[in-house]
Amino acid sequence: MASFIVPCSCPSFLIVNFITENLEKANHLLEQYKGHKEIEKVLHKKCLSELGLLALDKDDCITPKPMITFCENLLKNRDLLKKHLIGTRLTVTNYYSVMTDGQMYIPWNWKLK
């Protein structure tokens, strides 16, 4: 359920107009999001199994589209990366970091050099 934060001084007809004018676009974006979420689930499962990862998580700021890009990039480079990633716990985010327990944080748009 979504919510709108609107100043109390805003006339209600403007809010109603905004919602009705953008309803079709909102429905389209919602359907697109659902499609991306399904693709993300498939790629997530494939990354876990084909790369031998213990876990593949993502920060709340990572939406399905960047996660799809991340997973596709991992799978594209699986032959090179698999030996380094077996048994690893990865978290997709916007920065690089390695924790003392071995948890690795990698940006969704990482690149090999």
N, C-alpha and C. Protein backbone atom coordinates (compact mmCIF):
# COMPACT_ATOMS: atom_id res chain seq x y z
N MET A 1 0.85 -1.16 0.00
CA MET A 1 0.00 0.00 0.00
C MET A 1 0.90 1.24 0.00
N ALA A 2 0.63 2.14 -0.89
CA ALA A 2 1.42 3.37 -1.00
C ALA A 2 0.72 4.50 -0.27
N SER A 3 1.47 5.54 -0.03
CA SER A 3 0.87 6.71 0.61
C SER A 3 1.42 7.97 -0.04
N PHE A 4 0.65 9.02 0.04
CA PHE A 4 1.05 10.33 -0.46
C PHE A 4 1.19 11.27 0.73
N ILE A 5 2.27 12.00 0.75
CA ILE A 5 2.44 13.03 1.76
C ILE A 5 2.22 14.36 1.05
N VAL A 6 1.15 15.01 1.41
CA VAL A 6 0.71 16.23 0.73
C VAL A 6 0.45 17.30 1.77
N PRO A 7 0.90 18.52 1.51
CA PRO A 7 0.59 19.60 2.45
C PRO A 7 -0.92 19.77 2.61
N CYS A 8 -1.35 20.06 3.80
CA CYS A 8 -2.79 20.22 4.04
C CYS A 8 -3.37 21.41 3.27
N SER A 9 -2.51 22.32 2.83
CA SER A 9 -3.00 23.47 2.07
C SER A 9 -3.27 23.12 0.60
N CYS A 10 -2.89 21.93 0.17
CA CYS A 10 -3.09 21.52 -1.22
C CYS A 10 -4.57 21.20 -1.46
N PRO A 11 -5.17 21.80 -2.46
CA PRO A 11 -6.58 21.51 -2.75
C PRO A 11 -6.76 20.04 -3.14
N SER A 12 -7.80 19.44 -2.64
CA SER A 12 -8.03 18.01 -2.86
C SER A 12 -8.22 17.67 -4.34
N PHE A 13 -8.79 18.58 -5.11
CA PHE A 13 -9.00 18.29 -6.53
C PHE A 13 -7.66 18.09 -7.26
N LEU A 14 -6.60 18.77 -6.80
CA LEU A 14 -5.28 18.58 -7.42
C LEU A 14 -4.77 17.16 -7.16
N ILE A 15 -4.99 16.67 -5.96
CA ILE A 15 -4.56 15.31 -5.62
C ILE A 15 -5.33 14.29 -6.46
N VAL A 16 -6.63 14.46 -6.53
CA VAL A 16 -7.47 13.55 -7.32
C VAL A 16 -7.07 13.59 -8.79
N ASN A 17 -6.83 14.78 -9.32
CA ASN A 17 -6.39 14.91 -10.72
C ASN A 17 -5.05 14.21 -10.95
N PHE A 18 -4.13 14.41 -10.03
CA PHE A 18 -2.81 13.77 -10.16
C PHE A 18 -2.95 12.25 -10.20
N ILE A 19 -3.73 11.71 -9.29
CA ILE A 19 -3.91 10.25 -9.23
C ILE A 19 -4.56 9.73 -10.50
N THR A 20 -5.62 10.36 -10.93
CA THR A 20 -6.32 9.87 -12.13
C THR A 20 -5.48 10.04 -13.40
N GLU A 21 -4.70 11.10 -13.48
CA GLU A 21 -3.85 11.33 -14.66
C GLU A 21 -2.69 10.35 -14.72
N ASN A 22 -2.25 9.84 -13.58
CA ASN A 22 -1.08 8.96 -13.54
C ASN A 22 -1.40 7.50 -13.25
N LEU A 23 -2.65 7.16 -13.18
CA LEU A 23 -3.06 5.80 -12.84
C LEU A 23 -2.57 4.78 -13.87
N GLU A 24 -2.73 5.08 -15.14
CA GLU A 24 -2.29 4.15 -16.19
C GLU A 24 -0.77 3.94 -16.14
N LYS A 25 -0.04 5.02 -15.97
CA LYS A 25 1.42 4.93 -15.88
C LYS A 25 1.82 4.11 -14.65
N ALA A 26 1.15 4.32 -13.53
CA ALA A 26 1.45 3.58 -12.30
C ALA A 26 1.19 2.09 -12.50
N ASN A 27 0.08 1.75 -13.15
CA ASN A 27 -0.22 0.34 -13.41
C ASN A 27 0.82 -0.29 -14.33
N HIS A 28 1.25 0.45 -15.35
CA HIS A 28 2.30 -0.04 -16.25
C HIS A 28 3.60 -0.28 -15.49
N LEU A 29 3.99 0.67 -14.66
CA LEU A 29 5.22 0.51 -13.88
C LEU A 29 5.13 -0.65 -12.90
N LEU A 30 3.97 -0.86 -12.33
CA LEU A 30 3.78 -1.98 -11.41
C LEU A 30 3.91 -3.32 -12.14
N GLU A 31 3.33 -3.43 -13.31
CA GLU A 31 3.46 -4.66 -14.10
C GLU A 31 4.91 -4.90 -14.52
N GLN A 32 5.58 -3.83 -14.90
CA GLN A 32 6.99 -3.92 -15.28
C GLN A 32 7.82 -4.39 -14.09
N TYR A 33 7.55 -3.85 -12.91
CA TYR A 33 8.26 -4.23 -11.69
C TYR A 33 8.05 -5.72 -11.40
N LYS A 34 6.81 -6.19 -11.53
CA LYS A 34 6.51 -7.60 -11.28
C LYS A 34 7.29 -8.50 -12.23
N GLY A 35 7.38 -8.10 -13.49
CA GLY A 35 8.16 -8.86 -14.48
C GLY A 35 9.63 -8.91 -14.13
N HIS A 36 10.17 -7.76 -13.74
CA HIS A 36 11.58 -7.71 -13.34
C HIS A 36 11.83 -8.56 -12.10
N LYS A 37 10.89 -8.56 -11.17
CA LYS A 37 11.03 -9.34 -9.94
C LYS A 37 11.10 -10.84 -10.27
N GLU A 38 10.30 -11.30 -11.22
CA GLU A 38 10.33 -12.71 -11.62
C GLU A 38 11.67 -13.07 -12.27
N ILE A 39 12.16 -12.21 -13.15
CA ILE A 39 13.46 -12.43 -13.79
C ILE A 39 14.55 -12.47 -12.73
N GLU A 40 14.48 -11.55 -11.77
CA GLU A 40 15.46 -11.50 -10.69
C GLU A 40 15.48 -12.81 -9.91
N LYS A 41 14.33 -13.36 -9.59
CA LYS A 41 14.25 -14.62 -8.84
C LYS A 41 14.95 -15.75 -9.58
N VAL A 42 14.70 -15.85 -10.88
CA VAL A 42 15.31 -16.91 -11.70
C VAL A 42 16.83 -16.75 -11.72
N LEU A 43 17.30 -15.53 -11.98
CA LEU A 43 18.74 -15.28 -12.05
C LEU A 43 19.41 -15.47 -10.69
N HIS A 44 18.74 -15.08 -9.62
CA HIS A 44 19.26 -15.25 -8.26
C HIS A 44 19.51 -16.73 -7.99
N LYS A 45 18.53 -17.55 -8.29
CA LYS A 45 18.65 -19.00 -8.06
C LYS A 45 19.78 -19.58 -8.91
N LYS A 46 19.89 -19.12 -10.15
CA LYS A 46 20.92 -19.61 -11.06
C LYS A 46 22.32 -19.23 -10.56
N CYS A 47 22.47 -18.01 -10.05
CA CYS A 47 23.76 -17.57 -9.51
C CYS A 47 24.16 -18.42 -8.31
N LEU A 48 23.22 -18.67 -7.42
CA LEU A 48 23.51 -19.49 -6.23
C LEU A 48 23.99 -20.88 -6.64
N SER A 49 23.28 -21.50 -7.55
CA SER A 49 23.62 -22.88 -7.92
C SER A 49 24.87 -22.97 -8.79
N GLU A 50 24.99 -22.12 -9.80
CA GLU A 50 26.10 -22.23 -10.74
C GLU A 50 27.43 -21.70 -10.20
N LEU A 51 27.38 -20.81 -9.22
CA LEU A 51 28.61 -20.24 -8.67
C LEU A 51 28.94 -20.79 -7.28
N GLY A 52 28.07 -21.61 -6.72
CA GLY A 52 28.34 -22.21 -5.42
C GLY A 52 28.33 -21.21 -4.27
N LEU A 53 27.55 -20.15 -4.41
CA LEU A 53 27.47 -19.13 -3.36
C LEU A 53 26.70 -19.67 -2.16
N LEU A 54 27.14 -19.29 -0.95
CA LEU A 54 26.37 -19.61 0.25
C LEU A 54 25.13 -18.74 0.34
N ALA A 55 25.29 -17.47 -0.04
CA ALA A 55 24.18 -16.52 0.03
C ALA A 55 24.40 -15.41 -1.00
N LEU A 56 23.30 -14.90 -1.50
CA LEU A 56 23.32 -13.75 -2.40
C LEU A 56 22.17 -12.85 -1.98
N ASP A 57 22.51 -11.78 -1.28
CA ASP A 57 21.52 -10.85 -0.76
C ASP A 57 21.70 -9.50 -1.43
N LYS A 58 20.78 -8.58 -1.13
CA LYS A 58 20.91 -7.23 -1.67
C LYS A 58 20.43 -6.24 -0.63
N ASP A 59 21.04 -5.04 -0.68
CA ASP A 59 20.59 -3.94 0.18
C ASP A 59 19.20 -3.50 -0.27
N ASP A 60 18.50 -2.84 0.63
CA ASP A 60 17.15 -2.35 0.32
C ASP A 60 17.14 -1.36 -0.84
N CYS A 61 18.26 -0.68 -1.06
CA CYS A 61 18.32 0.33 -2.12
C CYS A 61 18.46 -0.28 -3.52
N ILE A 62 18.68 -1.58 -3.60
CA ILE A 62 18.86 -2.23 -4.90
C ILE A 62 17.52 -2.78 -5.38
N THR A 63 17.03 -2.22 -6.46
CA THR A 63 15.76 -2.65 -7.04
C THR A 63 16.01 -3.83 -7.99
N PRO A 64 14.96 -4.48 -8.48
CA PRO A 64 15.16 -5.64 -9.35
C PRO A 64 16.00 -5.39 -10.60
N LYS A 65 15.83 -4.26 -11.23
CA LYS A 65 16.57 -4.00 -12.48
C LYS A 65 18.10 -4.02 -12.28
N PRO A 66 18.66 -3.29 -11.30
CA PRO A 66 20.10 -3.40 -11.07
C PRO A 66 20.53 -4.80 -10.61
N MET A 67 19.67 -5.49 -9.87
CA MET A 67 20.00 -6.85 -9.44
C MET A 67 20.08 -7.78 -10.63
N ILE A 68 19.21 -7.59 -11.61
CA ILE A 68 19.26 -8.38 -12.84
C ILE A 68 20.58 -8.13 -13.55
N THR A 69 20.98 -6.88 -13.67
CA THR A 69 22.26 -6.53 -14.29
C THR A 69 23.41 -7.21 -13.57
N PHE A 70 23.39 -7.15 -12.24
CA PHE A 70 24.44 -7.77 -11.43
C PHE A 70 24.51 -9.27 -11.70
N CYS A 71 23.39 -9.95 -11.62
CA CYS A 71 23.35 -11.40 -11.80
C CYS A 71 23.78 -11.80 -13.22
N GLU A 72 23.32 -11.07 -14.22
CA GLU A 72 23.72 -11.37 -15.60
C GLU A 72 25.22 -11.22 -15.77
N ASN A 73 25.80 -10.20 -15.14
CA ASN A 73 27.24 -9.99 -15.21
C ASN A 73 27.99 -11.13 -14.52
N LEU A 74 27.50 -11.56 -13.36
CA LEU A 74 28.12 -12.70 -12.66
C LEU A 74 28.10 -13.94 -13.54
N LEU A 75 26.94 -14.24 -14.09
CA LEU A 75 26.80 -15.45 -14.90
C LEU A 75 27.62 -15.37 -16.18
N LYS A 76 27.74 -14.20 -16.76
CA LYS A 76 28.54 -14.02 -17.98
C LYS A 76 30.01 -14.32 -17.70
N ASN A 77 30.46 -14.04 -16.48
CA ASN A 77 31.86 -14.25 -16.10
C ASN A 77 32.05 -15.45 -15.18
N ARG A 78 31.09 -16.37 -15.15
CA ARG A 78 31.12 -17.48 -14.19
C ARG A 78 32.36 -18.35 -14.29
N ASP A 79 32.86 -18.60 -15.51
CA ASP A 79 34.03 -19.46 -15.65
C ASP A 79 35.25 -18.88 -14.95
N LEU A 80 35.39 -17.59 -15.01
CA LEU A 80 36.51 -16.91 -14.36
C LEU A 80 36.29 -16.75 -12.86
N LEU A 81 35.07 -16.51 -12.44
CA LEU A 81 34.78 -16.16 -11.05
C LEU A 81 34.45 -17.34 -10.13
N LYS A 82 33.97 -18.44 -10.68
CA LYS A 82 33.45 -19.53 -9.85
C LYS A 82 34.44 -19.99 -8.79
N LYS A 83 35.69 -20.22 -9.17
CA LYS A 83 36.68 -20.73 -8.21
C LYS A 83 36.91 -19.76 -7.05
N HIS A 84 36.65 -18.48 -7.27
CA HIS A 84 36.84 -17.48 -6.22
C HIS A 84 35.59 -17.26 -5.37
N LEU A 85 34.44 -17.65 -5.89
CA LEU A 85 33.18 -17.35 -5.21
C LEU A 85 32.54 -18.53 -4.49
N ILE A 86 33.03 -19.74 -4.71
CA ILE A 86 32.44 -20.91 -4.05
C ILE A 86 32.49 -20.71 -2.54
N GLY A 87 31.34 -20.87 -1.89
CA GLY A 87 31.25 -20.74 -0.44
C GLY A 87 31.23 -19.31 0.07
N THR A 88 31.03 -18.36 -0.83
CA THR A 88 31.05 -16.94 -0.47
C THR A 88 29.63 -16.42 -0.20
N ARG A 89 29.56 -15.43 0.68
CA ARG A 89 28.30 -14.72 0.93
C ARG A 89 28.45 -13.32 0.33
N LEU A 90 27.64 -13.04 -0.69
CA LEU A 90 27.69 -11.74 -1.37
C LEU A 90 26.46 -10.91 -1.03
N THR A 91 26.68 -9.62 -0.90
CA THR A 91 25.57 -8.67 -0.78
C THR A 91 25.75 -7.63 -1.87
N VAL A 92 24.71 -7.42 -2.65
CA VAL A 92 24.74 -6.43 -3.73
C VAL A 92 24.32 -5.09 -3.15
N THR A 93 25.15 -4.09 -3.43
CA THR A 93 24.90 -2.75 -2.88
C THR A 93 25.47 -1.71 -3.84
N ASN A 94 25.89 -0.57 -3.33
CA ASN A 94 26.47 0.49 -4.16
C ASN A 94 27.94 0.72 -3.90
N TYR A 95 28.59 -0.15 -3.13
CA TYR A 95 29.99 0.05 -2.76
C TYR A 95 30.68 -1.30 -2.57
N TYR A 96 32.02 -1.27 -2.50
CA TYR A 96 32.81 -2.47 -2.21
C TYR A 96 33.16 -2.49 -0.74
N SER A 97 33.09 -3.67 -0.14
CA SER A 97 33.53 -3.84 1.24
C SER A 97 33.65 -5.33 1.53
N VAL A 98 34.64 -5.68 2.37
CA VAL A 98 34.78 -7.06 2.84
C VAL A 98 34.81 -7.00 4.35
N MET A 99 33.90 -7.74 4.98
CA MET A 99 33.80 -7.75 6.43
C MET A 99 34.77 -8.78 7.01
N THR A 100 35.02 -8.69 8.29
CA THR A 100 35.96 -9.61 8.94
C THR A 100 35.47 -11.06 8.90
N ASP A 101 34.18 -11.27 8.79
CA ASP A 101 33.65 -12.64 8.72
C ASP A 101 33.62 -13.18 7.28
N GLY A 102 34.13 -12.40 6.32
CA GLY A 102 34.19 -12.84 4.93
C GLY A 102 33.05 -12.37 4.05
N GLN A 103 32.03 -11.79 4.64
CA GLN A 103 30.90 -11.26 3.86
C GLN A 103 31.43 -10.18 2.92
N MET A 104 31.08 -10.30 1.63
CA MET A 104 31.54 -9.32 0.65
C MET A 104 30.37 -8.48 0.15
N TYR A 105 30.60 -7.19 0.05
CA TYR A 105 29.63 -6.24 -0.49
C TYR A 105 30.18 -5.75 -1.82
N ILE A 106 29.38 -5.89 -2.86
CA ILE A 106 29.82 -5.54 -4.21
C ILE A 106 28.77 -4.65 -4.86
N PRO A 107 29.20 -3.60 -5.56
CA PRO A 107 28.21 -2.75 -6.24
C PRO A 107 27.53 -3.51 -7.38
N TRP A 108 26.30 -3.17 -7.62
CA TRP A 108 25.53 -3.85 -8.65
C TRP A 108 26.13 -3.68 -10.04
N ASN A 109 26.88 -2.60 -10.26
CA ASN A 109 27.43 -2.30 -11.58
C ASN A 109 28.93 -2.57 -11.66
N TRP A 110 29.41 -3.60 -10.94
CA TRP A 110 30.83 -3.94 -10.93
C TRP A 110 31.31 -4.32 -12.33
N LYS A 111 32.62 -4.18 -12.52
CA LYS A 111 33.23 -4.54 -13.80
C LYS A 111 34.56 -5.24 -13.55
N LEU A 112 34.92 -6.16 -14.43
CA LEU A 112 36.24 -6.78 -14.39
C LEU A 112 37.21 -5.87 -15.12
N LYS A 113 38.42 -5.82 -14.64
CA LYS A 113 39.43 -4.98 -15.32
C LYS A 113 40.21 -5.80 -16.30
